[in-house]
PDB file of N, CA and C in Angstrom:
ATOM      1  N   CYS A   1      -5.328  12.828  18.348  1.00  0.00           N
ATOM      2  CA  CYS A   1      -5.096  13.158  16.959  1.00  0.00           C
ATOM      3  C   CYS A   1      -3.681  13.765  16.833  1.00  0.00           C
ATOM      4  N   GLY A   2      -3.017  13.474  15.714  1.00  0.00           N
ATOM      5  CA  GLY A   2      -1.676  13.998  15.521  1.00  0.00           C
ATOM      6  C   GLY A   2      -0.583  13.157  16.144  1.00  0.00           C
ATOM      7  N   GLN A   3      -0.925  12.065  16.794  1.00  0.00           N
ATOM      8  CA  GLN A   3       0.067  11.219  17.450  1.00  0.00           C
ATOM      9  C   GLN A   3       0.417   9.978  16.621  1.00  0.00           C
ATOM     10  N   VAL A   4      -0.392   9.658  15.615  1.00  0.00           N
ATOM     11  CA  VAL A   4      -0.190   8.439  14.828  1.00  0.00           C
ATOM     12  C   VAL A   4       0.888   8.667  13.776  1.00  0.00           C
ATOM     13  N   ARG A   5       1.816   7.706  13.664  1.00  0.00           N
ATOM     14  CA  ARG A   5       2.845   7.728  12.618  1.00  0.00           C
ATOM     15  C   ARG A   5       3.192   6.307  12.269  1.00  0.00           C
ATOM     16  N   GLY A   6       3.622   6.092  11.051  1.00  0.00           N
ATOM     17  CA  GLY A   6       4.044   4.767  10.648  1.00  0.00           C
ATOM     18  C   GLY A   6       3.457   4.370   9.316  1.00  0.00           C
ATOM     19  N   LEU A   7       3.441   3.065   9.050  1.00  0.00           N
ATOM     20  CA  LEU A   7       2.966   2.568   7.769  1.00  0.00           C
ATOM     21  C   LEU A   7       1.504   2.877   7.519  1.00  0.00           C
ATOM     22  N   CYS A   8       0.742   3.170   8.545  1.00  0.00           N
ATOM     23  CA  CYS A   8      -0.678   3.503   8.376  1.00  0.00           C
ATOM     24  C   CYS A   8      -0.891   4.998   8.157  1.00  0.00           C
ATOM     25  N   GLY A   9       0.143   5.779   8.059  1.00  0.00           N
ATOM     26  CA  GLY A   9       0.009   7.212   7.835  1.00  0.00           C
ATOM     27  C   GLY A   9       0.019   7.995   9.130  1.00  0.00           C
ATOM     28  N   THR A  10      -0.388   9.258   9.044  1.00  0.00           N
ATOM     29  CA  THR A  10      -0.354  10.141  10.206  1.00  0.00           C
ATOM     30  C   THR A  10      -1.723  10.371  10.825  1.00  0.00           C
ATOM     31  N   PHE A  11      -2.783  10.125  10.068  1.00  0.00           N
ATOM     32  CA  PHE A  11      -4.157  10.267  10.554  1.00  0.00           C
ATOM     33  C   PHE A  11      -4.410  11.648  11.135  1.00  0.00           C
ATOM     34  N   ASN A  12      -3.906  12.665  10.428  1.00  0.00           N
ATOM     35  CA  ASN A  12      -4.126  14.034  10.906  1.00  0.00           C
ATOM     36  C   ASN A  12      -4.926  14.876   9.912  1.00  0.00           C
ATOM     37  N   GLY A  13      -5.442  14.230   8.867  1.00  0.00           N
ATOM     38  CA  GLY A  13      -6.244  14.942   7.886  1.00  0.00           C
ATOM     39  C   GLY A  13      -5.431  15.617   6.797  1.00  0.00           C
ATOM     40  N   ASP A  14      -4.119  15.594   6.890  1.00  0.00           N
ATOM     41  CA  ASP A  14      -3.245  16.215   5.888  1.00  0.00           C
ATOM     42  C   ASP A  14      -2.584  15.113   5.067  1.00  0.00           C
ATOM     43  N   GLN A  15      -3.061  14.903   3.854  1.00  0.00           N
ATOM     44  CA  GLN A  15      -2.538  13.822   3.029  1.00  0.00           C
ATOM     45  C   GLN A  15      -1.112  14.077   2.543  1.00  0.00           C
ATOM     46  N   ARG A  16      -0.627  15.299   2.652  1.00  0.00           N
ATOM     47  CA  ARG A  16       0.724  15.603   2.176  1.00  0.00           C
ATOM     48  C   ARG A  16       1.807  14.976   3.046  1.00  0.00           C
ATOM     49  N   ASP A  17       1.484  14.576   4.279  1.00  0.00           N
ATOM     50  CA  ASP A  17       2.516  14.004   5.141  1.00  0.00           C
ATOM     51  C   ASP A  17       2.261  12.527   5.493  1.00  0.00           C
ATOM     52  N   GLU A  18       1.445  11.856   4.699  1.00  0.00           N
ATOM     53  CA  GLU A  18       1.137  10.454   4.967  1.00  0.00           C
ATOM     54  C   GLU A  18       2.367   9.553   4.876  1.00  0.00           C
ATOM     55  N   PHE A  19       3.326   9.900   4.037  1.00  0.00           N
ATOM     56  CA  PHE A  19       4.515   9.064   3.839  1.00  0.00           C
ATOM     57  C   PHE A  19       5.685   9.572   4.679  1.00  0.00           C
ATOM     58  N   THR A  20       5.455   9.907   5.940  1.00  0.00           N
ATOM     59  CA  THR A  20       6.512  10.367   6.837  1.00  0.00           C
ATOM     60  C   THR A  20       7.289   9.162   7.366  1.00  0.00           C
ATOM     61  N   THR A  21       8.600   9.177   7.185  1.00  0.00           N
ATOM     62  CA  THR A  21       9.464   8.065   7.589  1.00  0.00           C
ATOM     63  C   THR A  21       9.787   8.153   9.079  1.00  0.00           C
ATOM     64  N   PRO A  22      10.384   7.108   9.643  1.00  0.00           N
ATOM     65  CA  PRO A  22      10.785   7.162  11.056  1.00  0.00           C
ATOM     66  C   PRO A  22      11.757   8.313  11.349  1.00  0.00           C
ATOM     67  N   GLU A  23      12.503   8.747  10.333  1.00  0.00           N
ATOM     68  CA  GLU A  23      13.448   9.853  10.520  1.00  0.00           C
ATOM     69  C   GLU A  23      12.773  11.207  10.407  1.00  0.00           C
ATOM     70  N   GLY A  24      11.487  11.240  10.046  1.00  0.00           N
ATOM     71  CA  GLY A  24      10.762  12.503   9.916  1.00  0.00           C
ATOM     72  C   GLY A  24      10.730  13.069   8.517  1.00  0.00           C
ATOM     73  N   ASP A  25      11.349  12.379   7.555  1.00  0.00           N
ATOM     74  CA  ASP A  25      11.318  12.834   6.169  1.00  0.00           C
ATOM     75  C   ASP A  25       9.983  12.445   5.546  1.00  0.00           C
ATOM     76  N   VAL A  26       9.512  13.233   4.585  1.00  0.00           N
ATOM     77  CA  VAL A  26       8.298  12.894   3.851  1.00  0.00           C
ATOM     78  C   VAL A  26       8.724  12.414   2.471  1.00  0.00           C
ATOM     79  N   GLU A  27       8.463  11.139   2.187  1.00  0.00           N
ATOM     80  CA  GLU A  27       8.842  10.552   0.908  1.00  0.00           C
ATOM     81  C   GLU A  27       7.754  10.809  -0.134  1.00  0.00           C
ATOM     82  N   PRO A  28       8.139  11.044  -1.386  1.00  0.00           N
ATOM     83  CA  PRO A  28       7.136  11.310  -2.429  1.00  0.00           C
ATOM     84  C   PRO A  28       6.479  10.043  -2.983  1.00  0.00           C
ATOM     85  N   GLY A  29       7.103   8.882  -2.780  1.00  0.00           N
ATOM     86  CA  GLY A  29       6.569   7.668  -3.373  1.00  0.00           C
ATOM     87  C   GLY A  29       6.442   6.521  -2.393  1.00  0.00           C
ATOM     88  N   VAL A  30       5.647   5.535  -2.776  1.00  0.00           N
ATOM     89  CA  VAL A  30       5.357   4.381  -1.925  1.00  0.00           C
ATOM     90  C   VAL A  30       6.601   3.550  -1.650  1.00  0.00           C
ATOM     91  N   ALA A  31       7.408   3.275  -2.676  1.00  0.00           N
ATOM     92  CA  ALA A  31       8.562   2.384  -2.515  1.00  0.00           C
ATOM     93  C   ALA A  31       9.560   2.934  -1.500  1.00  0.00           C
ATOM     94  N   ALA A  32       9.930   4.196  -1.638  1.00  0.00           N
ATOM     95  CA  ALA A  32      10.899   4.792  -0.708  1.00  0.00           C
ATOM     96  C   ALA A  32      10.331   4.817   0.710  1.00  0.00           C
ATOM     97  N   PHE A  33       9.046   5.093   0.841  1.00  0.00           N
ATOM     98  CA  PHE A  33       8.408   5.121   2.157  1.00  0.00           C
ATOM     99  C   PHE A  33       8.423   3.734   2.793  1.00  0.00           C
ATOM    100  N   ALA A  34       8.004   2.723   2.044  1.00  0.00           N
ATOM    101  CA  ALA A  34       7.977   1.361   2.578  1.00  0.00           C
ATOM    102  C   ALA A  34       9.377   0.886   2.934  1.00  0.00           C
ATOM    103  N   ASN A  35      10.359   1.193   2.106  1.00  0.00           N
ATOM    104  CA  ASN A  35      11.731   0.763   2.383  1.00  0.00           C
ATOM    105  C   ASN A  35      12.297   1.433   3.635  1.00  0.00           C
ATOM    106  N   ALA A  36      11.795   2.601   4.001  1.00  0.00           N
ATOM    107  CA  ALA A  36      12.265   3.275   5.216  1.00  0.00           C
ATOM    108  C   ALA A  36      11.891   2.486   6.466  1.00  0.00           C
ATOM    109  N   PHE A  37      10.844   1.669   6.392  1.00  0.00           N
ATOM    110  CA  PHE A  37      10.408   0.872   7.534  1.00  0.00           C
ATOM    111  C   PHE A  37      10.931  -0.561   7.477  1.00  0.00           C
ATOM    112  N   ARG A  38      11.642  -0.907   6.422  1.00  0.00           N
ATOM    113  CA  ARG A  38      12.132  -2.269   6.220  1.00  0.00           C
ATOM    114  C   ARG A  38      13.258  -2.565   7.196  1.00  0.00           C
ATOM    115  N   ALA A  39      13.160  -3.695   7.861  1.00  0.00           N
ATOM    116  CA  ALA A  39      14.240  -4.142   8.745  1.00  0.00           C
ATOM    117  C   ALA A  39      15.366  -4.667   7.864  1.00  0.00           C
ATOM    118  N   ALA A  40      16.572  -4.204   8.070  1.00  0.00           N
ATOM    119  CA  ALA A  40      17.718  -4.575   7.227  1.00  0.00           C
ATOM    120  C   ALA A  40      17.835  -6.087   7.108  1.00  0.00           C
ATOM    121  N   GLY A  41      17.807  -6.569   5.891  1.00  0.00           N
ATOM    122  CA  GLY A  41      17.996  -7.986   5.628  1.00  0.00           C
ATOM    123  C   GLY A  41      16.775  -8.854   5.869  1.00  0.00           C
ATOM    124  N   ALA A  42      15.719  -8.322   6.454  1.00  0.00           N
ATOM    125  CA  ALA A  42      14.543  -9.136   6.759  1.00  0.00           C
ATOM    126  C   ALA A  42      13.738  -9.474   5.510  1.00  0.00           C
ATOM    127  N   CYS A  43      13.705  -8.577   4.557  1.00  0.00           N
ATOM    128  CA  CYS A  43      12.978  -8.815   3.315  1.00  0.00           C
ATOM    129  C   CYS A  43      13.604  -7.947   2.231  1.00  0.00           C
ATOM    130  N   PRO A  44      13.389  -8.306   0.963  1.00  0.00           N
ATOM    131  CA  PRO A  44      13.991  -7.522  -0.112  1.00  0.00           C
ATOM    132  C   PRO A  44      13.372  -6.123  -0.190  1.00  0.00           C
ATOM    133  N   ALA A  45      14.170  -5.179  -0.663  1.00  0.00           N
ATOM    134  CA  ALA A  45      13.681  -3.812  -0.826  1.00  0.00           C
ATOM    135  C   ALA A  45      12.617  -3.778  -1.912  1.00  0.00           C
ATOM    136  N   LEU A  46      11.635  -2.918  -1.728  1.00  0.00           N
ATOM    137  CA  LEU A  46      10.577  -2.732  -2.702  1.00  0.00           C
ATOM    138  C   LEU A  46      11.139  -1.933  -3.863  1.00  0.00           C
ATOM    139  N   GLY A  47      10.896  -2.397  -5.076  1.00  0.00           N
ATOM    140  CA  GLY A  47      11.382  -1.712  -6.265  1.00  0.00           C
ATOM    141  C   GLY A  47      10.533  -0.495  -6.590  1.00  0.00           C
ATOM    142  N   PRO A  48      10.900   0.203  -7.664  1.00  0.00           N
ATOM    143  CA  PRO A  48      10.174   1.430  -8.004  1.00  0.00           C
ATOM    144  C   PRO A  48       8.751   1.171  -8.488  1.00  0.00           C
ATOM    145  N   GLY A  49       8.488  -0.008  -9.048  1.00  0.00           N
ATOM    146  CA  GLY A  49       7.144  -0.319  -9.518  1.00  0.00           C
ATOM    147  C   GLY A  49       6.314  -0.957  -8.423  1.00  0.00           C
ATOM    148  N   ILE A  50       5.016  -0.790  -8.504  1.00  0.00           N
ATOM    149  CA  ILE A  50       4.121  -1.406  -7.527  1.00  0.00           C
ATOM    150  C   ILE A  50       3.878  -2.852  -7.957  1.00  0.00           C
ATOM    151  N   PRO A  51       4.161  -3.828  -7.077  1.00  0.00           N
ATOM    152  CA  PRO A  51       3.981  -5.223  -7.463  1.00  0.00           C
ATOM    153  C   PRO A  51       2.509  -5.570  -7.664  1.00  0.00           C
ATOM    154  N   ASP A  52       2.265  -6.510  -8.556  1.00  0.00           N
ATOM    155  CA  ASP A  52       0.913  -6.989  -8.805  1.00  0.00           C
ATOM    156  C   ASP A  52       0.460  -7.790  -7.591  1.00  0.00           C
ATOM    157  N   PRO A  53      -0.612  -7.391  -6.904  1.00  0.00           N
ATOM    158  CA  PRO A  53      -1.026  -8.090  -5.693  1.00  0.00           C
ATOM    159  C   PRO A  53      -1.440  -9.534  -5.937  1.00  0.00           C
ATOM    160  N   CYS A  54      -1.801  -9.865  -7.158  1.00  0.00           N
ATOM    161  CA  CYS A  54      -2.207 -11.238  -7.460  1.00  0.00           C
ATOM    162  C   CYS A  54      -1.024 -12.095  -7.896  1.00  0.00           C
ATOM    163  N   GLY A  55       0.117 -11.481  -8.144  1.00  0.00           N
ATOM    164  CA  GLY A  55       1.270 -12.200  -8.670  1.00  0.00           C
ATOM    165  C   GLY A  55       1.772 -13.330  -7.791  1.00  0.00           C
ATOM    166  N   GLY A  56       1.735 -13.177  -6.500  1.00  0.00           N
ATOM    167  CA  GLY A  56       2.267 -14.179  -5.592  1.00  0.00           C
ATOM    168  C   GLY A  56       1.268 -15.234  -5.146  1.00  0.00           C
ATOM    169  N   PHE A  57       0.040 -15.121  -5.609  1.00  0.00           N
ATOM    170  CA  PHE A  57      -1.004 -16.041  -5.156  1.00  0.00           C
ATOM    171  C   PHE A  57      -1.754 -16.609  -6.353  1.00  0.00           C
ATOM    172  N   PRO A  58      -1.380 -17.805  -6.787  1.00  0.00           N
ATOM    173  CA  PRO A  58      -2.049 -18.401  -7.954  1.00  0.00           C
ATOM    174  C   PRO A  58      -3.563 -18.490  -7.760  1.00  0.00           C
ATOM    175  N   GLY A  59      -4.303 -18.084  -8.774  1.00  0.00           N
ATOM    176  CA  GLY A  59      -5.761 -18.150  -8.735  1.00  0.00           C
ATOM    177  C   GLY A  59      -6.427 -16.936  -8.125  1.00  0.00           C
ATOM    178  N   SER A  60      -5.657 -16.040  -7.527  1.00  0.00           N
ATOM    179  CA  SER A  60      -6.249 -14.870  -6.869  1.00  0.00           C
ATOM    180  C   SER A  60      -6.962 -13.958  -7.853  1.00  0.00           C
ATOM    181  N   ARG A  61      -6.353 -13.734  -9.002  1.00  0.00           N
ATOM    182  CA  ARG A  61      -6.955 -12.834  -9.986  1.00  0.00           C
ATOM    183  C   ARG A  61      -8.322 -13.361 -10.416  1.00  0.00           C
ATOM    184  N   GLU A  62      -8.401 -14.647 -10.677  1.00  0.00           N
ATOM    185  CA  GLU A  62      -9.660 -15.231 -11.126  1.00  0.00           C
ATOM    186  C   GLU A  62     -10.738 -15.112 -10.041  1.00  0.00           C
ATOM    187  N   ARG A  63     -10.369 -15.382  -8.786  1.00  0.00           N
ATOM    188  CA  ARG A  63     -11.339 -15.268  -7.686  1.00  0.00           C
ATOM    189  C   ARG A  63     -11.786 -13.819  -7.500  1.00  0.00           C
ATOM    190  N   ALA A  64     -10.855 -12.893  -7.600  1.00  0.00           N
ATOM    191  CA  ALA A  64     -11.193 -11.478  -7.442  1.00  0.00           C
ATOM    192  C   ALA A  64     -12.097 -11.005  -8.580  1.00  0.00           C
ATOM    193  N   GLU A  65     -11.792 -11.411  -9.793  1.00  0.00           N
ATOM    194  CA  GLU A  65     -12.619 -11.002 -10.936  1.00  0.00           C
ATOM    195  C   GLU A  65     -14.021 -11.583 -10.827  1.00  0.00           C
ATOM    196  N   ALA A  66     -14.131 -12.822 -10.346  1.00  0.00           N
ATOM    197  CA  ALA A  66     -15.453 -13.435 -10.176  1.00  0.00           C
ATOM    198  C   ALA A  66     -16.251 -12.691  -9.103  1.00  0.00           C
ATOM    199  N   ALA A  67     -15.602 -12.329  -7.997  1.00  0.00           N
ATOM    200  CA  ALA A  67     -16.294 -11.608  -6.931  1.00  0.00           C
ATOM    201  C   ALA A  67     -16.716 -10.219  -7.391  1.00  0.00           C
ATOM    202  N   CYS A  68     -15.871  -9.546  -8.149  1.00  0.00           N
ATOM    203  CA  CYS A  68     -16.181  -8.193  -8.623  1.00  0.00           C
ATOM    204  C   CYS A  68     -17.219  -8.205  -9.743  1.00  0.00           C
ATOM    205  N   ALA A  69     -17.357  -9.327 -10.425  1.00  0.00           N
ATOM    206  CA  ALA A  69     -18.340  -9.414 -11.509  1.00  0.00           C
ATOM    207  C   ALA A  69     -19.743  -9.128 -10.982  1.00  0.00           C
ATOM    208  N   VAL A  70     -20.018  -9.510  -9.750  1.00  0.00           N
ATOM    209  CA  VAL A  70     -21.322  -9.243  -9.149  1.00  0.00           C
ATOM    210  C   VAL A  70     -21.542  -7.733  -9.043  1.00  0.00           C
ATOM    211  N   LEU A  71     -20.515  -7.003  -8.600  1.00  0.00           N
ATOM    212  CA  LEU A  71     -20.628  -5.547  -8.469  1.00  0.00           C
ATOM    213  C   LEU A  71     -20.748  -4.852  -9.813  1.00  0.00           C
ATOM    214  N   MET A  72     -20.160  -5.447 -10.834  1.00  0.00           N
ATOM    215  CA  MET A  72     -20.190  -4.846 -12.158  1.00  0.00           C
ATOM    216  C   MET A  72     -21.437  -5.276 -12.943  1.00  0.00           C
ATOM    217  N   GLY A  73     -22.210  -6.196 -12.402  1.00  0.00           N
ATOM    218  CA  GLY A  73     -23.377  -6.754 -13.075  1.00  0.00           C
ATOM    219  C   GLY A  73     -24.592  -5.835 -13.024  1.00  0.00           C
ATOM    220  N   PRO A  74     -25.693  -6.308 -13.585  1.00  0.00           N
ATOM    221  CA  PRO A  74     -26.907  -5.482 -13.702  1.00  0.00           C
ATOM    222  C   PRO A  74     -27.524  -5.093 -12.359  1.00  0.00           C
ATOM    223  N   ALA A  75     -27.278  -5.853 -11.309  1.00  0.00           N
ATOM    224  CA  ALA A  75     -27.892  -5.526 -10.012  1.00  0.00           C
ATOM    225  C   ALA A  75     -27.392  -4.181  -9.471  1.00  0.00           C
ATOM    226  N   PHE A  76     -26.198  -3.748  -9.865  1.00  0.00           N
ATOM    227  CA  PHE A  76     -25.630  -2.503  -9.349  1.00  0.00           C
ATOM    228  C   PHE A  76     -25.496  -1.412 -10.415  1.00  0.00           C
ATOM    229  N   GLN A  77     -26.181  -1.577 -11.521  1.00  0.00           N
ATOM    230  CA  GLN A  77     -26.093  -0.560 -12.575  1.00  0.00           C
ATOM    231  C   GLN A  77     -27.092   0.553 -12.354  1.00  0.00           C
TER     232      GLN A  77
END
């Protein structure tokens, strides 16, 4: 315990340091944290907004909504 660091967090039970960068800084937001692990030039920097997870995959939203409809239905009320 206390040895884990990286994109998966610190796994030490303290949520205040989950966004610790390779340099040891604690970032307040997801974008700055993710960009700290980005390999220069390998992919575009993450912007300040959180991207829509269904945006890059046509039909994903419809499949997800259909799957979640079961959980939102009368069987789980």
